[in-house]
Amino acid sequence: MTTRPVRIALAVALLAGAAACSSSGGGDPLAAKSSAPATSGGPSSPAGGAAGGTVVVGSANFPENVLLASIYSQALQAKGVKVEEKFNIGSREVLYGQLQSGALTVLPEYNGALLGYLDAKSTATGKDAVNAELKAKLPAGLAILDSAAAEDKDSLTVTQETADKLGVKSIADLAGKAQDLVVGGPPEFKSRREQQFKDVYGLTFKEWKPTGDTTANALKDGGIQLGNVFTTDPKIVQLKLVSLDDPKNVFSAQNVTPLVNTAGLGEAGTAALNAVSAKLDTAGLTALMKRVAIDKEDPSAVAKSWLKSANLG
């Protein structure tokens, strides 16, 4: 996204959880794209955990990923798993290599962005299709666990007032209305998405405005009616905005998904992380990110309170 120094820029538009707006905490996250890693071979020195050793939980260096890693860490510890935390490491390139080597055992990932890193030519967009390709393309020794419903992805977002006035809940509902609506987002949003909206949903908008970092505020102020906002941007909660459903997957799935070194994680750890995924949804993660990014609460404390409320810690 335009406000974070590290962001995905996928080669294929359908995979780009890319054309983003401002966000103090949300947004696809892990790093700028580089050449894809090798897809064979496995970890050279597993990090333990499977036989009672230590599970090493890592994270990228942005608030949402740190929060998710803290949730994973504390969920594992609640099940008696010995954990070491290595947060704020950096980009996907570094993190992926450390998972392959066994220096890390667990990492919060985003399935669409991870697939784009492994295969920039993939056109999978829905969660099931993305995960099926990931399972086929991850090297021996690495695996994804269950994906959460929670997604940190591009969206078309509106105010609650606009949603009620137009009677819309999804992008498909904009048919017959789009020609009267102004869309805001980063400067590249129009070039990346205009044709897709025409081809996939049959929509032509009245105007496209480059609102950049001010997109969420421009929605609230009425300067635009639709905005490209990441689904876990805490401003969605703060400003009472609504992200429209995307039933035809113009925006690729970006489900929060544990990426693990299988040699370092036992059955108890796997079950603990899958239990987190079963209860973490986008609205919940967005509310947690408001506490971290806007209210400035400690991510570890926020993670602890969520796990307690979900009966997981």
Protein backbone atom coordinates (compact mmCIF):
# COMPACT_ATOMS: atom_id res chain seq x y z
CA MET A 1 0.00 0.00 0.00
CA THR A 2 1.18 3.48 -0.62
CA THR A 3 1.77 4.45 3.01
CA ARG A 4 3.92 1.52 4.08
CA PRO A 5 7.54 1.30 2.95
CA VAL A 6 7.19 -2.39 2.21
CA ARG A 7 4.34 -3.56 -0.02
CA ILE A 8 3.41 -6.19 -2.55
CA ALA A 9 3.47 -5.15 -6.19
CA LEU A 10 2.40 -8.32 -7.96
CA ALA A 11 2.93 -8.72 -11.66
CA VAL A 12 -0.59 -9.95 -12.32
CA ALA A 13 -3.37 -7.48 -11.63
CA LEU A 14 -5.76 -10.11 -10.34
CA LEU A 15 -3.27 -11.04 -7.64
CA ALA A 16 -2.29 -7.58 -6.63
CA GLY A 17 -3.71 -6.98 -3.19
CA ALA A 18 -2.22 -3.78 -4.33
CA ALA A 19 -3.98 -0.64 -5.36
CA ALA A 20 -4.38 0.55 -1.87
CA CYS A 21 -5.38 3.43 0.25
CA SER A 22 -3.94 4.82 3.41
CA SER A 23 -3.91 2.79 6.57
CA SER A 24 -2.13 3.11 9.84
CA GLY A 25 -2.27 -0.61 10.41
CA GLY A 26 -4.00 -2.62 7.72
CA GLY A 27 -3.03 -3.49 4.22
CA ASP A 28 -1.15 -6.26 2.57
CA PRO A 29 1.96 -6.33 4.18
CA LEU A 30 5.00 -8.42 3.89
CA ALA A 31 7.43 -7.08 1.32
CA ALA A 32 8.17 -5.85 -2.09
CA LYS A 33 8.08 -8.60 -4.67
CA SER A 34 11.33 -10.20 -5.75
CA SER A 35 12.21 -13.29 -7.73
CA ALA A 36 10.30 -16.32 -6.51
CA PRO A 37 12.10 -18.75 -4.21
CA ALA A 38 12.98 -22.29 -5.12
CA THR A 39 10.07 -24.69 -4.83
CA SER A 40 11.98 -27.78 -3.83
CA GLY A 41 13.97 -28.82 -0.83
CA GLY A 42 13.13 -28.37 2.81
CA PRO A 43 14.31 -26.92 6.09
CA SER A 44 17.90 -27.66 6.99
CA SER A 45 17.65 -27.22 10.74
CA PRO A 46 14.10 -27.45 12.11
CA ALA A 47 13.27 -25.18 15.00
CA GLY A 48 11.82 -27.78 17.35
CA GLY A 49 8.32 -27.96 18.76
CA ALA A 50 7.28 -31.20 17.10
CA ALA A 51 9.16 -33.23 19.71
CA GLY A 52 8.64 -30.88 22.62
CA GLY A 53 11.16 -28.28 21.49
CA THR A 54 10.71 -24.55 21.01
CA VAL A 55 8.38 -23.12 18.38
CA VAL A 56 9.75 -19.85 17.00
CA VAL A 57 7.03 -17.40 15.96
CA GLY A 58 8.15 -14.61 13.63
CA SER A 59 6.52 -11.54 12.14
CA ALA A 60 7.07 -8.85 9.56
CA ASN A 61 7.76 -5.31 10.69
CA PHE A 62 4.31 -3.71 10.63
CA PRO A 63 1.67 -3.54 13.38
CA GLU A 64 -0.93 -5.96 12.05
CA ASN A 65 1.57 -8.75 11.49
CA VAL A 66 3.04 -8.23 14.95
CA LEU A 67 -0.47 -8.44 16.44
CA LEU A 68 -1.22 -11.66 14.56
CA ALA A 69 2.10 -13.17 15.58
CA SER A 70 1.36 -12.30 19.21
CA ILE A 71 -2.04 -14.01 18.91
CA TYR A 72 -0.36 -17.11 17.48
CA SER A 73 2.34 -17.07 20.15
CA GLN A 74 -0.05 -16.76 23.07
CA ALA A 75 -2.46 -19.33 21.63
CA LEU A 76 0.41 -21.82 21.40
CA GLN A 77 1.56 -21.06 24.93
CA ALA A 78 -1.97 -21.55 26.24
CA LYS A 79 -1.75 -25.14 24.96
CA GLY A 80 1.57 -25.75 26.68
CA VAL A 81 3.80 -25.19 23.66
CA LYS A 82 7.18 -23.61 24.40
CA VAL A 83 7.50 -20.47 22.28
CA GLU A 84 10.20 -17.99 21.32
CA GLU A 85 9.09 -14.72 19.72
CA LYS A 86 11.06 -13.03 16.93
CA PHE A 87 8.88 -10.13 15.84
CA ASN A 88 9.50 -7.15 13.51
CA ILE A 89 12.00 -9.05 11.37
CA GLY A 90 11.33 -7.47 7.99
CA SER A 91 10.25 -8.44 4.49
CA ARG A 92 8.79 -11.63 3.04
CA GLU A 93 12.07 -12.51 1.35
CA VAL A 94 13.89 -12.62 4.69
CA LEU A 95 11.04 -14.31 6.56
CA TYR A 96 10.48 -17.00 3.93
CA GLY A 97 14.14 -17.91 3.93
CA GLN A 98 14.17 -18.19 7.70
CA LEU A 99 11.15 -20.51 7.60
CA GLN A 100 12.87 -22.72 5.03
CA SER A 101 16.04 -22.91 7.12
CA GLY A 102 14.11 -23.68 10.30
CA ALA A 103 15.16 -20.50 12.08
CA LEU A 104 11.42 -19.69 12.25
CA THR A 105 8.60 -22.16 12.76
CA VAL A 106 5.45 -20.06 12.35
CA LEU A 107 4.61 -16.87 10.44
CA PRO A 108 1.28 -15.07 9.93
CA GLU A 109 0.86 -14.86 6.15
CA TYR A 110 -1.71 -13.64 3.62
CA ASN A 111 -2.59 -16.38 1.17
CA GLY A 112 -3.03 -14.34 -2.01
CA ALA A 113 0.14 -12.34 -1.52
CA LEU A 114 2.12 -15.47 -0.67
CA LEU A 115 0.90 -17.17 -3.84
CA GLY A 116 1.88 -14.10 -5.85
CA TYR A 117 5.37 -14.35 -4.34
CA LEU A 118 5.67 -18.01 -5.30
CA ASP A 119 4.03 -17.66 -8.72
CA ALA A 120 3.41 -14.19 -10.15
CA LYS A 121 1.62 -15.75 -13.14
CA SER A 122 -1.11 -17.43 -11.10
CA THR A 123 -4.63 -16.18 -11.76
CA ALA A 124 -6.28 -17.82 -8.73
CA THR A 125 -8.36 -15.32 -6.78
CA GLY A 126 -10.80 -17.09 -4.43
CA LYS A 127 -9.66 -18.54 -1.11
CA ASP A 128 -10.03 -22.20 -2.05
CA ALA A 129 -8.31 -21.81 -5.40
CA VAL A 130 -5.48 -19.80 -3.89
CA ASN A 131 -4.93 -22.32 -1.10
CA ALA A 132 -5.01 -25.26 -3.50
CA GLU A 133 -2.25 -23.67 -5.57
CA LEU A 134 -0.26 -22.80 -2.47
CA LYS A 135 -0.35 -26.38 -1.25
CA ALA A 136 0.92 -27.53 -4.64
CA LYS A 137 3.68 -24.92 -4.91
CA LEU A 138 5.12 -24.69 -1.42
CA PRO A 139 8.40 -26.60 -1.08
CA ALA A 140 8.74 -29.71 1.03
CA GLY A 141 9.00 -28.75 4.68
CA LEU A 142 6.68 -25.75 4.47
CA ALA A 143 2.88 -25.80 4.68
CA ILE A 144 -0.11 -23.57 5.23
CA LEU A 145 -2.60 -24.35 7.98
CA ASP A 146 -6.28 -23.36 7.96
CA SER A 147 -7.01 -19.88 6.65
CA ALA A 148 -9.00 -17.46 8.79
CA ALA A 149 -12.05 -15.68 7.45
CA ALA A 150 -10.12 -12.50 8.28
CA GLU A 151 -8.72 -10.78 5.20
CA ASP A 152 -6.47 -7.76 4.81
CA LYS A 153 -7.27 -6.91 1.21
CA ASP A 154 -8.34 -4.16 -1.14
CA SER A 155 -11.99 -3.24 -1.12
CA LEU A 156 -14.53 -0.77 -2.37
CA THR A 157 -15.74 0.92 0.79
CA VAL A 158 -18.62 3.31 1.45
CA THR A 159 -20.11 5.14 4.39
CA GLN A 160 -22.99 3.45 6.18
CA GLU A 161 -25.19 6.31 5.00
CA THR A 162 -24.27 5.67 1.36
CA ALA A 163 -24.80 1.92 1.75
CA ASP A 164 -28.28 2.52 3.18
CA LYS A 165 -29.19 5.18 0.63
CA LEU A 166 -28.16 3.06 -2.36
CA GLY A 167 -29.25 -0.24 -0.84
CA VAL A 168 -25.89 -1.88 -1.54
CA LYS A 169 -24.01 -4.62 0.25
CA SER A 170 -21.77 -5.83 -2.56
CA ILE A 171 -19.99 -4.47 -5.61
CA ALA A 172 -22.54 -6.30 -7.76
CA ASP A 173 -25.27 -4.15 -6.19
CA LEU A 174 -23.71 -1.07 -7.83
CA ALA A 175 -25.17 -2.06 -11.22
CA GLY A 176 -27.30 0.82 -12.48
CA LYS A 177 -25.83 3.16 -9.86
CA ALA A 178 -22.09 3.30 -10.62
CA GLN A 179 -22.43 5.91 -13.37
CA ASP A 180 -23.42 8.49 -10.73
CA LEU A 181 -20.65 7.67 -8.25
CA VAL A 182 -17.14 9.03 -7.72
CA VAL A 183 -14.39 6.59 -6.72
CA GLY A 184 -11.27 7.51 -4.76
CA GLY A 185 -8.00 5.71 -4.16
CA PRO A 186 -4.27 5.91 -4.85
CA PRO A 187 -3.20 7.31 -8.24
CA GLU A 188 -2.67 3.83 -9.71
CA PHE A 189 -6.09 2.52 -8.70
CA LYS A 190 -7.84 3.63 -11.90
CA SER A 191 -5.25 2.14 -14.26
CA ARG A 192 -5.22 -1.16 -12.39
CA ARG A 193 -8.92 -1.64 -11.77
CA GLU A 194 -11.09 0.38 -14.18
CA GLN A 195 -11.18 -2.28 -16.90
CA GLN A 196 -11.68 -5.07 -14.37
CA PHE A 197 -14.78 -3.43 -12.95
CA LYS A 198 -16.15 -3.08 -16.50
CA ASP A 199 -15.32 -6.66 -17.49
CA VAL A 200 -16.29 -8.44 -14.29
CA TYR A 201 -19.21 -6.39 -12.97
CA GLY A 202 -20.21 -4.26 -15.96
CA LEU A 203 -19.58 -1.05 -14.01
CA THR A 204 -18.49 2.35 -15.32
CA PHE A 205 -18.00 5.03 -12.67
CA LYS A 206 -18.64 8.74 -13.03
CA GLU A 207 -15.15 9.81 -11.99
CA TRP A 208 -11.94 8.47 -10.44
CA LYS A 209 -10.15 10.74 -7.95
CA PRO A 210 -6.58 10.21 -6.70
CA THR A 211 -7.30 10.56 -2.98
CA GLY A 212 -4.31 8.53 -1.75
CA ASP A 213 -3.80 8.68 2.01
CA THR A 214 -6.98 10.70 2.49
CA THR A 215 -9.37 8.12 0.96
CA ALA A 216 -11.16 7.11 4.16
CA ASN A 217 -11.57 10.73 5.23
CA ALA A 218 -12.77 11.72 1.75
CA LEU A 219 -15.52 9.13 2.08
CA LYS A 220 -16.61 10.54 5.41
CA ASP A 221 -16.45 14.11 4.10
CA GLY A 222 -18.50 13.27 1.00
CA GLY A 223 -15.86 14.15 -1.59
CA ILE A 224 -16.18 10.62 -2.97
CA GLN A 225 -18.86 7.96 -2.64
CA LEU A 226 -16.63 4.88 -3.04
CA GLY A 227 -13.06 4.41 -1.83
CA ASN A 228 -10.28 1.83 -2.13
CA VAL A 229 -9.66 1.01 1.54
CA PHE A 230 -7.96 -2.07 2.96
CA THR A 231 -10.43 -4.23 4.85
CA THR A 232 -8.53 -4.10 8.16
CA ASP A 233 -7.80 -0.37 8.04
CA PRO A 234 -8.79 0.81 11.54
CA LYS A 235 -10.40 3.90 10.01
CA ILE A 236 -13.23 1.62 8.90
CA VAL A 237 -14.15 1.24 12.56
CA GLN A 238 -13.23 4.79 13.55
CA LEU A 239 -15.27 6.42 10.78
CA LYS A 240 -18.03 3.76 10.65
CA LEU A 241 -17.41 2.75 7.05
CA VAL A 242 -18.62 -0.39 5.24
CA SER A 243 -16.54 -2.50 2.84
CA LEU A 244 -18.67 -3.96 0.04
CA ASP A 245 -18.57 -7.69 -0.62
CA ASP A 246 -16.73 -8.77 -3.77
CA PRO A 247 -18.55 -11.96 -4.90
CA LYS A 248 -16.67 -12.21 -8.22
CA ASN A 249 -13.22 -11.70 -6.68
CA VAL A 250 -11.91 -8.65 -8.50
CA PHE A 251 -9.66 -8.38 -5.47
CA SER A 252 -7.67 -11.54 -4.76
CA ALA A 253 -8.21 -13.38 -1.49
CA GLN A 254 -5.85 -12.26 1.26
CA ASN A 255 -6.89 -14.51 4.12
CA VAL A 256 -4.73 -14.52 7.23
CA THR A 257 -3.05 -17.92 7.10
CA PRO A 258 -0.34 -19.54 9.24
CA LEU A 259 2.72 -20.54 7.20
CA VAL A 260 4.71 -23.15 9.09
CA ASN A 261 7.85 -25.23 9.06
CA THR A 262 6.26 -28.66 9.43
CA ALA A 263 9.27 -30.26 11.08
CA GLY A 264 9.08 -27.74 13.90
CA LEU A 265 5.39 -27.89 14.75
CA GLY A 266 3.57 -30.75 16.42
CA GLU A 267 -0.10 -31.69 16.56
CA ALA A 268 -0.85 -29.51 19.59
CA GLY A 269 0.61 -26.45 17.89
CA THR A 270 -1.22 -27.14 14.65
CA ALA A 271 -4.52 -27.50 16.50
CA ALA A 272 -3.93 -24.28 18.45
CA LEU A 273 -3.29 -22.24 15.29
CA ASN A 274 -6.23 -23.77 13.43
CA ALA A 275 -8.46 -22.84 16.39
CA VAL A 276 -7.34 -19.21 16.03
CA SER A 277 -8.16 -19.25 12.31
CA ALA A 278 -11.61 -20.69 13.04
CA LYS A 279 -12.54 -17.65 15.13
CA LEU A 280 -10.71 -14.70 13.54
CA ASP A 281 -12.79 -12.70 11.05
CA THR A 282 -12.22 -9.42 9.24
CA ALA A 283 -14.48 -7.32 11.45
CA GLY A 284 -12.78 -8.67 14.55
CA LEU A 285 -9.28 -8.07 13.21
CA THR A 286 -10.22 -4.54 12.15
CA ALA A 287 -11.50 -3.80 15.64
CA LEU A 288 -8.26 -5.13 17.11
CA MET A 289 -6.23 -2.99 14.72
CA LYS A 290 -8.11 0.11 15.84
CA ARG A 291 -6.94 -0.62 19.38
CA VAL A 292 -3.35 -1.06 18.20
CA ALA A 293 -3.01 1.63 15.53
CA ILE A 294 -5.37 4.35 16.77
CA ASP A 295 -5.79 3.74 20.50
CA LYS A 296 -2.07 2.82 20.80
CA GLU A 297 -2.63 -0.25 22.96
CA ASP A 298 0.15 -2.81 23.26
CA PRO A 299 -0.28 -5.57 20.63
CA SER A 300 0.50 -8.27 23.18
CA ALA A 301 -2.23 -7.02 25.51
CA VAL A 302 -4.72 -6.74 22.65
CA ALA A 303 -3.86 -10.29 21.56
CA LYS A 304 -4.32 -11.58 25.10
CA SER A 305 -7.76 -9.99 25.48
CA TRP A 306 -8.94 -11.37 22.11
CA LEU A 307 -7.77 -14.89 22.96
CA LYS A 308 -9.58 -14.70 26.28
CA SER A 309 -12.80 -13.50 24.62
CA ALA A 310 -12.50 -16.34 22.07
CA ASN A 311 -11.88 -18.91 24.82
CA LEU A 312 -8.48 -19.71 23.36
CA GLY A 313 -6.21 -18.33 26.07
